[in-house]
All heavy atoms as atom14 arrays in JSON, in Angstrom:
{
  "sequence": "VNGEIPPDWEMISWIAMDNMVTAYGKDHVRLRRLVGRAFTPRRAE",
  "atom14_mask": [
    [1, 1, 1, 1, 1, 1, 1, 0, 0, 0, 0, 0, 0, 0],
    [1, 1, 1, 1, 1, 1, 1, 1, 0, 0, 0, 0, 0, 0],
    [1, 1, 1, 1, 0, 0, 0, 0, 0, 0, 0, 0, 0, 0],
    [1, 1, 1, 1, 1, 1, 1, 1, 1, 0, 0, 0, 0, 0],
    [1, 1, 1, 1, 1, 1, 1, 1, 0, 0, 0, 0, 0, 0],
    [1, 1, 1, 1, 1, 1, 1, 0, 0, 0, 0, 0, 0, 0],
    [1, 1, 1, 1, 1, 1, 1, 0, 0, 0, 0, 0, 0, 0],
    [1, 1, 1, 1, 1, 1, 1, 1, 0, 0, 0, 0, 0, 0],
    [1, 1, 1, 1, 1, 1, 1, 1, 1, 1, 1, 1, 1, 1],
    [1, 1, 1, 1, 1, 1, 1, 1, 1, 0, 0, 0, 0, 0],
    [1, 1, 1, 1, 1, 1, 1, 1, 0, 0, 0, 0, 0, 0],
    [1, 1, 1, 1, 1, 1, 1, 1, 0, 0, 0, 0, 0, 0],
    [1, 1, 1, 1, 1, 1, 0, 0, 0, 0, 0, 0, 0, 0],
    [1, 1, 1, 1, 1, 1, 1, 1, 1, 1, 1, 1, 1, 1],
    [1, 1, 1, 1, 1, 1, 1, 1, 0, 0, 0, 0, 0, 0],
    [1, 1, 1, 1, 1, 0, 0, 0, 0, 0, 0, 0, 0, 0],
    [1, 1, 1, 1, 1, 1, 1, 1, 0, 0, 0, 0, 0, 0],
    [1, 1, 1, 1, 1, 1, 1, 1, 0, 0, 0, 0, 0, 0],
    [1, 1, 1, 1, 1, 1, 1, 1, 0, 0, 0, 0, 0, 0],
    [1, 1, 1, 1, 1, 1, 1, 1, 0, 0, 0, 0, 0, 0],
    [1, 1, 1, 1, 1, 1, 1, 0, 0, 0, 0, 0, 0, 0],
    [1, 1, 1, 1, 1, 1, 1, 0, 0, 0, 0, 0, 0, 0],
    [1, 1, 1, 1, 1, 0, 0, 0, 0, 0, 0, 0, 0, 0],
    [1, 1, 1, 1, 1, 1, 1, 1, 1, 1, 1, 1, 0, 0],
    [1, 1, 1, 1, 0, 0, 0, 0, 0, 0, 0, 0, 0, 0],
    [1, 1, 1, 1, 1, 1, 1, 1, 1, 0, 0, 0, 0, 0],
    [1, 1, 1, 1, 1, 1, 1, 1, 0, 0, 0, 0, 0, 0],
    [1, 1, 1, 1, 1, 1, 1, 1, 1, 1, 0, 0, 0, 0],
    [1, 1, 1, 1, 1, 1, 1, 0, 0, 0, 0, 0, 0, 0],
    [1, 1, 1, 1, 1, 1, 1, 1, 1, 1, 1, 0, 0, 0],
    [1, 1, 1, 1, 1, 1, 1, 1, 0, 0, 0, 0, 0, 0],
    [1, 1, 1, 1, 1, 1, 1, 1, 1, 1, 1, 0, 0, 0],
    [1, 1, 1, 1, 1, 1, 1, 1, 1, 1, 1, 0, 0, 0],
    [1, 1, 1, 1, 1, 1, 1, 1, 0, 0, 0, 0, 0, 0],
    [1, 1, 1, 1, 1, 1, 1, 0, 0, 0, 0, 0, 0, 0],
    [1, 1, 1, 1, 0, 0, 0, 0, 0, 0, 0, 0, 0, 0],
    [1, 1, 1, 1, 1, 1, 1, 1, 1, 1, 1, 0, 0, 0],
    [1, 1, 1, 1, 1, 0, 0, 0, 0, 0, 0, 0, 0, 0],
    [1, 1, 1, 1, 1, 1, 1, 1, 1, 1, 1, 0, 0, 0],
    [1, 1, 1, 1, 1, 1, 1, 0, 0, 0, 0, 0, 0, 0],
    [1, 1, 1, 1, 1, 1, 1, 0, 0, 0, 0, 0, 0, 0],
    [1, 1, 1, 1, 1, 1, 1, 1, 1, 1, 1, 0, 0, 0],
    [1, 1, 1, 1, 1, 1, 1, 1, 1, 1, 1, 0, 0, 0],
    [1, 1, 1, 1, 1, 0, 0, 0, 0, 0, 0, 0, 0, 0],
    [1, 1, 1, 1, 1, 1, 1, 1, 1, 0, 0, 0, 0, 0]
  ],
  "atom14_positions": [
    [[43.37, 32.98, 37.55], [43.9, 32.17, 36.45], [44.56, 30.9, 36.97], [44.41, 29.82, 36.39], [44.91, 33.0, 35.62], [45.56, 32.13, 34.55], [44.23, 34.2, 34.99], [0.0, 0.0, 0.0], [0.0, 0.0, 0.0], [0.0, 0.0, 0.0], [0.0, 0.0, 0.0], [0.0, 0.0, 0.0], [0.0, 0.0, 0.0], [0.0, 0.0, 0.0]],
    [[45.26, 31.01, 38.09], [46.0, 29.88, 38.65], [45.15, 28.95, 39.53], [45.68, 28.01, 40.12], [47.21, 30.38, 39.46], [48.18, 31.17, 38.61], [48.27, 30.97, 37.4], [48.93, 32.08, 39.24], [0.0, 0.0, 0.0], [0.0, 0.0, 0.0], [0.0, 0.0, 0.0], [0.0, 0.0, 0.0], [0.0, 0.0, 0.0], [0.0, 0.0, 0.0]],
    [[43.88, 29.24, 39.64], [43.0, 28.38, 40.42], [43.05, 28.61, 41.91], [42.54, 27.78, 42.69], [0.0, 0.0, 0.0], [0.0, 0.0, 0.0], [0.0, 0.0, 0.0], [0.0, 0.0, 0.0], [0.0, 0.0, 0.0], [0.0, 0.0, 0.0], [0.0, 0.0, 0.0], [0.0, 0.0, 0.0], [0.0, 0.0, 0.0], [0.0, 0.0, 0.0]],
    [[43.65, 29.73, 42.34], [43.71, 30.02, 43.77], [42.37, 30.54, 44.3], [42.12, 30.51, 45.51], [44.82, 31.04, 44.05], [46.21, 30.53, 43.7], [47.24, 31.66, 43.67], [47.05, 32.64, 44.43], [48.21, 31.58, 42.89], [0.0, 0.0, 0.0], [0.0, 0.0, 0.0], [0.0, 0.0, 0.0], [0.0, 0.0, 0.0], [0.0, 0.0, 0.0]],
    [[41.53, 31.06, 43.41], [40.2, 31.5, 43.8], [39.26, 30.33, 43.57], [39.04, 29.9, 42.43], [39.74, 32.71, 42.96], [40.74, 33.87, 43.11], [38.34, 33.14, 43.36], [40.89, 34.39, 44.54], [0.0, 0.0, 0.0], [0.0, 0.0, 0.0], [0.0, 0.0, 0.0], [0.0, 0.0, 0.0], [0.0, 0.0, 0.0], [0.0, 0.0, 0.0]],
    [[38.7, 29.75, 44.62], [37.87, 28.54, 44.48], [36.56, 28.83, 43.75], [36.06, 29.95, 43.77], [37.62, 28.11, 45.93], [37.76, 29.37, 46.73], [38.81, 30.18, 46.03], [0.0, 0.0, 0.0], [0.0, 0.0, 0.0], [0.0, 0.0, 0.0], [0.0, 0.0, 0.0], [0.0, 0.0, 0.0], [0.0, 0.0, 0.0], [0.0, 0.0, 0.0]],
    [[35.99, 27.82, 43.1], [34.74, 28.0, 42.36], [33.55, 28.33, 43.24], [32.5, 28.74, 42.75], [34.56, 26.66, 41.63], [35.36, 25.68, 42.42], [36.52, 26.44, 42.96], [0.0, 0.0, 0.0], [0.0, 0.0, 0.0], [0.0, 0.0, 0.0], [0.0, 0.0, 0.0], [0.0, 0.0, 0.0], [0.0, 0.0, 0.0], [0.0, 0.0, 0.0]],
    [[33.71, 28.15, 44.56], [32.62, 28.49, 45.47], [32.95, 29.75, 46.29], [32.37, 29.98, 47.35], [32.31, 27.33, 46.42], [33.48, 26.98, 47.34], [34.6, 27.51, 47.12], [33.27, 26.18, 48.27], [0.0, 0.0, 0.0], [0.0, 0.0, 0.0], [0.0, 0.0, 0.0], [0.0, 0.0, 0.0], [0.0, 0.0, 0.0], [0.0, 0.0, 0.0]],
    [[33.89, 30.57, 45.75], [34.18, 31.85, 46.43], [32.89, 32.66, 46.52], [32.08, 32.67, 45.58], [35.25, 32.62, 45.65], [35.66, 33.9, 46.32], [35.94, 34.08, 47.64], [35.86, 35.18, 45.69], [36.29, 35.4, 47.88], [36.25, 36.08, 46.7], [35.74, 35.64, 44.38], [36.52, 37.43, 46.43], [36.01, 36.97, 44.11], [36.4, 37.86, 45.13]],
    [[32.72, 33.34, 47.64], [31.47, 34.05, 47.9], [31.1, 35.07, 46.81], [29.92, 35.38, 46.63], [31.54, 34.77, 49.25], [31.56, 33.84, 50.46], [32.94, 33.37, 50.86], [33.86, 33.35, 50.0], [33.13, 33.01, 52.04], [0.0, 0.0, 0.0], [0.0, 0.0, 0.0], [0.0, 0.0, 0.0], [0.0, 0.0, 0.0], [0.0, 0.0, 0.0]],
    [[32.09, 35.58, 46.08], [31.82, 36.6, 45.07], [32.11, 36.1, 43.66], [32.34, 36.89, 42.74], [32.64, 37.86, 45.38], [32.32, 38.45, 46.76], [33.4, 39.83, 47.23], [32.82, 41.08, 46.1], [0.0, 0.0, 0.0], [0.0, 0.0, 0.0], [0.0, 0.0, 0.0], [0.0, 0.0, 0.0], [0.0, 0.0, 0.0], [0.0, 0.0, 0.0]],
    [[32.05, 34.78, 43.47], [32.47, 34.18, 42.21], [31.66, 34.67, 41.01], [32.19, 34.82, 39.9], [32.41, 32.63, 42.29], [33.11, 31.99, 41.09], [31.0, 32.14, 42.44], [34.6, 32.23, 41.04], [0.0, 0.0, 0.0], [0.0, 0.0, 0.0], [0.0, 0.0, 0.0], [0.0, 0.0, 0.0], [0.0, 0.0, 0.0], [0.0, 0.0, 0.0]],
    [[30.37, 34.93, 41.19], [29.53, 35.35, 40.05], [30.02, 36.65, 39.44], [29.84, 36.88, 38.23], [28.07, 35.5, 40.49], [27.43, 34.25, 40.6], [0.0, 0.0, 0.0], [0.0, 0.0, 0.0], [0.0, 0.0, 0.0], [0.0, 0.0, 0.0], [0.0, 0.0, 0.0], [0.0, 0.0, 0.0], [0.0, 0.0, 0.0], [0.0, 0.0, 0.0]],
    [[30.6, 37.52, 40.24], [31.03, 38.83, 39.75], [32.26, 38.74, 38.85], [32.48, 39.63, 38.02], [31.32, 39.77, 40.92], [30.09, 40.1, 41.68], [29.65, 39.53, 42.85], [29.09, 41.07, 41.33], [28.46, 40.08, 43.23], [28.1, 41.03, 42.33], [28.97, 41.97, 40.27], [26.97, 41.86, 42.29], [27.85, 42.79, 40.23], [26.87, 42.72, 41.23]],
    [[33.06, 37.7, 39.02], [34.29, 37.62, 38.23], [34.25, 36.52, 37.18], [35.06, 36.51, 36.26], [35.53, 37.4, 39.14], [35.42, 36.08, 39.89], [35.68, 38.56, 40.11], [36.69, 35.69, 40.61], [0.0, 0.0, 0.0], [0.0, 0.0, 0.0], [0.0, 0.0, 0.0], [0.0, 0.0, 0.0], [0.0, 0.0, 0.0], [0.0, 0.0, 0.0]],
    [[33.31, 35.59, 37.31], [33.24, 34.46, 36.37], [32.49, 34.84, 35.09], [32.54, 34.1, 34.11], [32.55, 33.27, 37.03], [0.0, 0.0, 0.0], [0.0, 0.0, 0.0], [0.0, 0.0, 0.0], [0.0, 0.0, 0.0], [0.0, 0.0, 0.0], [0.0, 0.0, 0.0], [0.0, 0.0, 0.0], [0.0, 0.0, 0.0], [0.0, 0.0, 0.0]],
    [[31.8, 35.98, 35.1], [31.06, 36.4, 33.91], [32.02, 36.68, 32.75], [33.13, 37.15, 32.95], [30.25, 37.67, 34.21], [29.05, 37.43, 35.08], [28.0, 38.91, 35.21], [29.0, 39.94, 36.27], [0.0, 0.0, 0.0], [0.0, 0.0, 0.0], [0.0, 0.0, 0.0], [0.0, 0.0, 0.0], [0.0, 0.0, 0.0], [0.0, 0.0, 0.0]],
    [[31.53, 36.41, 31.53], [32.3, 36.7, 30.32], [31.38, 37.53, 29.42], [30.65, 37.01, 28.59], [32.7, 35.39, 29.63], [33.6, 35.63, 28.42], [34.04, 36.79, 28.23], [33.85, 34.68, 27.67], [0.0, 0.0, 0.0], [0.0, 0.0, 0.0], [0.0, 0.0, 0.0], [0.0, 0.0, 0.0], [0.0, 0.0, 0.0], [0.0, 0.0, 0.0]],
    [[31.42, 38.83, 29.61], [30.54, 39.73, 28.85], [31.2, 41.09, 28.71], [32.37, 41.26, 29.05], [29.16, 39.84, 29.52], [29.27, 40.28, 30.97], [30.17, 40.99, 31.36], [28.32, 39.84, 31.78], [0.0, 0.0, 0.0], [0.0, 0.0, 0.0], [0.0, 0.0, 0.0], [0.0, 0.0, 0.0], [0.0, 0.0, 0.0], [0.0, 0.0, 0.0]],
    [[30.45, 42.07, 28.23], [31.04, 43.39, 28.0], [31.47, 44.06, 29.3], [32.34, 44.93, 29.31], [30.08, 44.3, 27.24], [28.86, 44.72, 28.02], [27.87, 45.89, 27.1], [26.56, 46.22, 28.3], [0.0, 0.0, 0.0], [0.0, 0.0, 0.0], [0.0, 0.0, 0.0], [0.0, 0.0, 0.0], [0.0, 0.0, 0.0], [0.0, 0.0, 0.0]],
    [[30.88, 43.65, 30.42], [31.24, 44.23, 31.71], [32.65, 43.8, 32.13], [33.39, 44.57, 32.73], [30.22, 43.83, 32.79], [30.63, 44.35, 34.16], [28.83, 44.36, 32.43], [0.0, 0.0, 0.0], [0.0, 0.0, 0.0], [0.0, 0.0, 0.0], [0.0, 0.0, 0.0], [0.0, 0.0, 0.0], [0.0, 0.0, 0.0], [0.0, 0.0, 0.0]],
    [[33.01, 42.56, 31.81], [34.31, 42.03, 32.23], [35.32, 41.94, 31.1], [36.46, 41.53, 31.32], [34.13, 40.63, 32.85], [33.53, 39.77, 31.88], [33.26, 40.68, 34.09], [0.0, 0.0, 0.0], [0.0, 0.0, 0.0], [0.0, 0.0, 0.0], [0.0, 0.0, 0.0], [0.0, 0.0, 0.0], [0.0, 0.0, 0.0], [0.0, 0.0, 0.0]],
    [[34.9, 42.3, 29.88], [35.82, 42.19, 28.73], [36.86, 43.3, 28.77], [36.68, 44.34, 29.4], [35.03, 42.25, 27.43], [0.0, 0.0, 0.0], [0.0, 0.0, 0.0], [0.0, 0.0, 0.0], [0.0, 0.0, 0.0], [0.0, 0.0, 0.0], [0.0, 0.0, 0.0], [0.0, 0.0, 0.0], [0.0, 0.0, 0.0], [0.0, 0.0, 0.0]],
    [[37.94, 43.09, 28.03], [39.07, 44.03, 28.02], [39.49, 44.31, 26.58], [39.47, 43.44, 25.73], [40.24, 43.43, 28.8], [41.48, 44.3, 28.86], [41.47, 45.52, 29.52], [42.66, 43.9, 28.24], [42.61, 46.31, 29.59], [43.81, 44.68, 28.29], [43.77, 45.89, 28.97], [44.9, 46.67, 29.03], [0.0, 0.0, 0.0], [0.0, 0.0, 0.0]],
    [[39.88, 45.55, 26.32], [40.45, 45.91, 25.03], [39.48, 45.73, 23.87], [38.34, 46.16, 23.9], [0.0, 0.0, 0.0], [0.0, 0.0, 0.0], [0.0, 0.0, 0.0], [0.0, 0.0, 0.0], [0.0, 0.0, 0.0], [0.0, 0.0, 0.0], [0.0, 0.0, 0.0], [0.0, 0.0, 0.0], [0.0, 0.0, 0.0], [0.0, 0.0, 0.0]],
    [[39.95, 45.05, 22.81], [39.15, 44.87, 21.59], [37.87, 44.08, 21.85], [36.83, 44.34, 21.23], [39.99, 44.17, 20.52], [41.15, 45.01, 19.98], [41.94, 44.25, 18.94], [43.1, 45.1, 18.4], [43.92, 44.36, 17.41], [0.0, 0.0, 0.0], [0.0, 0.0, 0.0], [0.0, 0.0, 0.0], [0.0, 0.0, 0.0], [0.0, 0.0, 0.0]],
    [[37.93, 43.12, 22.78], [36.73, 42.35, 23.11], [35.66, 43.25, 23.71], [34.47, 43.11, 23.41], [37.06, 41.21, 24.08], [37.81, 40.08, 23.4], [37.63, 39.91, 22.18], [38.56, 39.37, 24.09], [0.0, 0.0, 0.0], [0.0, 0.0, 0.0], [0.0, 0.0, 0.0], [0.0, 0.0, 0.0], [0.0, 0.0, 0.0], [0.0, 0.0, 0.0]],
    [[36.08, 44.16, 24.56], [35.12, 45.09, 25.18], [34.48, 45.99, 24.12], [33.26, 46.19, 24.11], [35.82, 45.94, 26.25], [34.94, 46.99, 26.82], [35.11, 48.34, 26.55], [33.85, 46.91, 27.62], [34.18, 49.03, 27.18], [33.4, 48.2, 27.83], [0.0, 0.0, 0.0], [0.0, 0.0, 0.0], [0.0, 0.0, 0.0], [0.0, 0.0, 0.0]],
    [[35.3, 46.51, 23.21], [34.78, 47.38, 22.14], [33.78, 46.61, 21.28], [32.7, 47.11, 20.93], [35.93, 47.93, 21.28], [35.38, 48.68, 20.08], [36.83, 48.84, 22.11], [0.0, 0.0, 0.0], [0.0, 0.0, 0.0], [0.0, 0.0, 0.0], [0.0, 0.0, 0.0], [0.0, 0.0, 0.0], [0.0, 0.0, 0.0], [0.0, 0.0, 0.0]],
    [[34.13, 45.35, 20.91], [33.26, 44.52, 20.08], [31.9, 44.29, 20.75], [30.84, 44.48, 20.13], [33.95, 43.17, 19.82], [33.07, 42.11, 19.19], [33.87, 40.84, 18.88], [34.55, 40.3, 20.05], [33.99, 39.49, 20.94], [32.73, 39.12, 20.77], [34.67, 39.03, 21.96], [0.0, 0.0, 0.0], [0.0, 0.0, 0.0], [0.0, 0.0, 0.0]],
    [[31.91, 43.9, 22.01], [30.66, 43.59, 22.71], [29.85, 44.84, 22.99], [28.62, 44.84, 22.87], [30.98, 42.85, 24.02], [31.56, 41.45, 23.85], [32.04, 40.91, 25.19], [30.53, 40.51, 23.25], [0.0, 0.0, 0.0], [0.0, 0.0, 0.0], [0.0, 0.0, 0.0], [0.0, 0.0, 0.0], [0.0, 0.0, 0.0], [0.0, 0.0, 0.0]],
    [[30.52, 45.91, 23.34], [29.81, 47.15, 23.64], [29.1, 47.69, 22.39], [28.0, 48.23, 22.46], [30.78, 48.18, 24.22], [30.07, 49.41, 24.81], [31.07, 50.32, 25.5], [30.46, 51.55, 25.93], [29.92, 51.76, 27.13], [29.92, 50.79, 28.02], [29.4, 52.93, 27.45], [0.0, 0.0, 0.0], [0.0, 0.0, 0.0], [0.0, 0.0, 0.0]],
    [[29.75, 47.52, 21.24], [29.15, 47.96, 19.99], [27.85, 47.19, 19.7], [26.85, 47.76, 19.29], [30.15, 47.72, 18.85], [30.39, 48.98, 18.02], [31.48, 48.74, 16.99], [32.57, 49.69, 17.15], [33.8, 49.47, 16.77], [34.13, 48.32, 16.24], [34.71, 50.4, 16.91], [0.0, 0.0, 0.0], [0.0, 0.0, 0.0], [0.0, 0.0, 0.0]],
    [[27.89, 45.88, 19.92], [26.7, 45.05, 19.68], [25.54, 45.45, 20.59], [24.41, 45.6, 20.15], [27.05, 43.58, 19.91], [27.8, 42.85, 18.81], [28.23, 41.47, 19.31], [26.92, 42.7, 17.57], [0.0, 0.0, 0.0], [0.0, 0.0, 0.0], [0.0, 0.0, 0.0], [0.0, 0.0, 0.0], [0.0, 0.0, 0.0], [0.0, 0.0, 0.0]],
    [[25.83, 45.62, 21.89], [24.79, 45.93, 22.85], [24.34, 47.38, 22.75], [23.17, 47.7, 22.96], [25.29, 45.62, 24.28], [24.23, 45.99, 25.32], [25.65, 44.15, 24.41], [0.0, 0.0, 0.0], [0.0, 0.0, 0.0], [0.0, 0.0, 0.0], [0.0, 0.0, 0.0], [0.0, 0.0, 0.0], [0.0, 0.0, 0.0], [0.0, 0.0, 0.0]],
    [[25.27, 48.27, 22.38], [24.98, 49.7, 22.36], [23.86, 50.1, 21.42], [23.2, 51.12, 21.63], [0.0, 0.0, 0.0], [0.0, 0.0, 0.0], [0.0, 0.0, 0.0], [0.0, 0.0, 0.0], [0.0, 0.0, 0.0], [0.0, 0.0, 0.0], [0.0, 0.0, 0.0], [0.0, 0.0, 0.0], [0.0, 0.0, 0.0], [0.0, 0.0, 0.0]],
    [[23.6, 49.27, 20.41], [22.53, 49.58, 19.46], [21.16, 49.63, 20.13], [20.24, 50.3, 19.64], [22.5, 48.53, 18.35], [23.76, 48.49, 17.51], [23.77, 47.28, 16.6], [25.05, 47.14, 15.91], [25.4, 46.06, 15.22], [24.56, 45.03, 15.14], [26.57, 45.99, 14.62], [0.0, 0.0, 0.0], [0.0, 0.0, 0.0], [0.0, 0.0, 0.0]],
    [[21.03, 48.92, 21.23], [19.73, 48.89, 21.93], [19.55, 50.08, 22.86], [18.45, 50.27, 23.39], [19.62, 47.6, 22.73], [0.0, 0.0, 0.0], [0.0, 0.0, 0.0], [0.0, 0.0, 0.0], [0.0, 0.0, 0.0], [0.0, 0.0, 0.0], [0.0, 0.0, 0.0], [0.0, 0.0, 0.0], [0.0, 0.0, 0.0], [0.0, 0.0, 0.0]],
    [[20.58, 50.89, 23.03], [20.52, 51.96, 24.02], [20.82, 53.34, 23.44], [21.33, 54.22, 24.13], [21.48, 51.66, 25.18], [21.09, 50.43, 25.96], [21.68, 49.2, 25.67], [20.15, 50.49, 26.96], [21.32, 48.06, 26.38], [19.78, 49.37, 27.67], [20.37, 48.14, 27.38], [0.0, 0.0, 0.0], [0.0, 0.0, 0.0], [0.0, 0.0, 0.0]],
    [[20.52, 53.54, 22.17], [20.71, 54.86, 21.58], [19.69, 55.83, 22.17], [18.63, 55.41, 22.67], [20.5, 54.8, 20.05], [19.14, 54.41, 19.8], [21.46, 53.82, 19.4], [0.0, 0.0, 0.0], [0.0, 0.0, 0.0], [0.0, 0.0, 0.0], [0.0, 0.0, 0.0], [0.0, 0.0, 0.0], [0.0, 0.0, 0.0], [0.0, 0.0, 0.0]],
    [[19.96, 57.15, 22.14], [19.0, 58.13, 22.67], [17.63, 58.0, 22.04], [16.6, 58.13, 22.71], [19.66, 59.47, 22.33], [21.13, 59.18, 22.32], [21.24, 57.79, 21.75], [0.0, 0.0, 0.0], [0.0, 0.0, 0.0], [0.0, 0.0, 0.0], [0.0, 0.0, 0.0], [0.0, 0.0, 0.0], [0.0, 0.0, 0.0], [0.0, 0.0, 0.0]],
    [[17.57, 57.7, 20.74], [16.28, 57.58, 20.07], [15.49, 56.39, 20.61], [14.29, 56.49, 20.88], [16.49, 57.43, 18.56], [15.18, 57.27, 17.78], [15.44, 57.16, 16.29], [15.99, 58.4, 15.73], [16.32, 58.56, 14.46], [16.16, 57.54, 13.6], [16.81, 59.69, 14.02], [0.0, 0.0, 0.0], [0.0, 0.0, 0.0], [0.0, 0.0, 0.0]],
    [[16.17, 55.26, 20.78], [15.47, 54.07, 21.29], [15.09, 54.26, 22.75], [14.04, 53.76, 23.19], [16.35, 52.83, 21.12], [16.54, 52.44, 19.67], [17.16, 51.06, 19.51], [16.22, 49.99, 19.83], [16.47, 48.72, 19.58], [17.61, 48.36, 19.0], [15.6, 47.78, 19.9], [0.0, 0.0, 0.0], [0.0, 0.0, 0.0], [0.0, 0.0, 0.0]],
    [[15.92, 54.97, 23.5], [15.59, 55.25, 24.9], [14.32, 56.07, 24.99], [13.42, 55.79, 25.79], [16.75, 55.98, 25.58], [0.0, 0.0, 0.0], [0.0, 0.0, 0.0], [0.0, 0.0, 0.0], [0.0, 0.0, 0.0], [0.0, 0.0, 0.0], [0.0, 0.0, 0.0], [0.0, 0.0, 0.0], [0.0, 0.0, 0.0], [0.0, 0.0, 0.0]],
    [[14.21, 57.09, 24.16], [13.03, 57.96, 24.17], [11.79, 57.18, 23.71], [10.68, 57.43, 24.19], [13.26, 59.17, 23.27], [12.25, 60.29, 23.44], [12.16, 60.8, 24.86], [13.22, 61.01, 25.49], [11.02, 60.99, 25.35], [0.0, 0.0, 0.0], [0.0, 0.0, 0.0], [0.0, 0.0, 0.0], [0.0, 0.0, 0.0], [0.0, 0.0, 0.0]]
  ]
}
């Protein structure tokens, strides 16, 4: 948050993402609900 991690840090892609993998709390629930529809047991089968 304070900019101590440079934009060219070797692992920057893993933390710069803004998706259900990196979301927290209500944002995580919201995104997981949207994506989860594609991965129900019926659709998997």
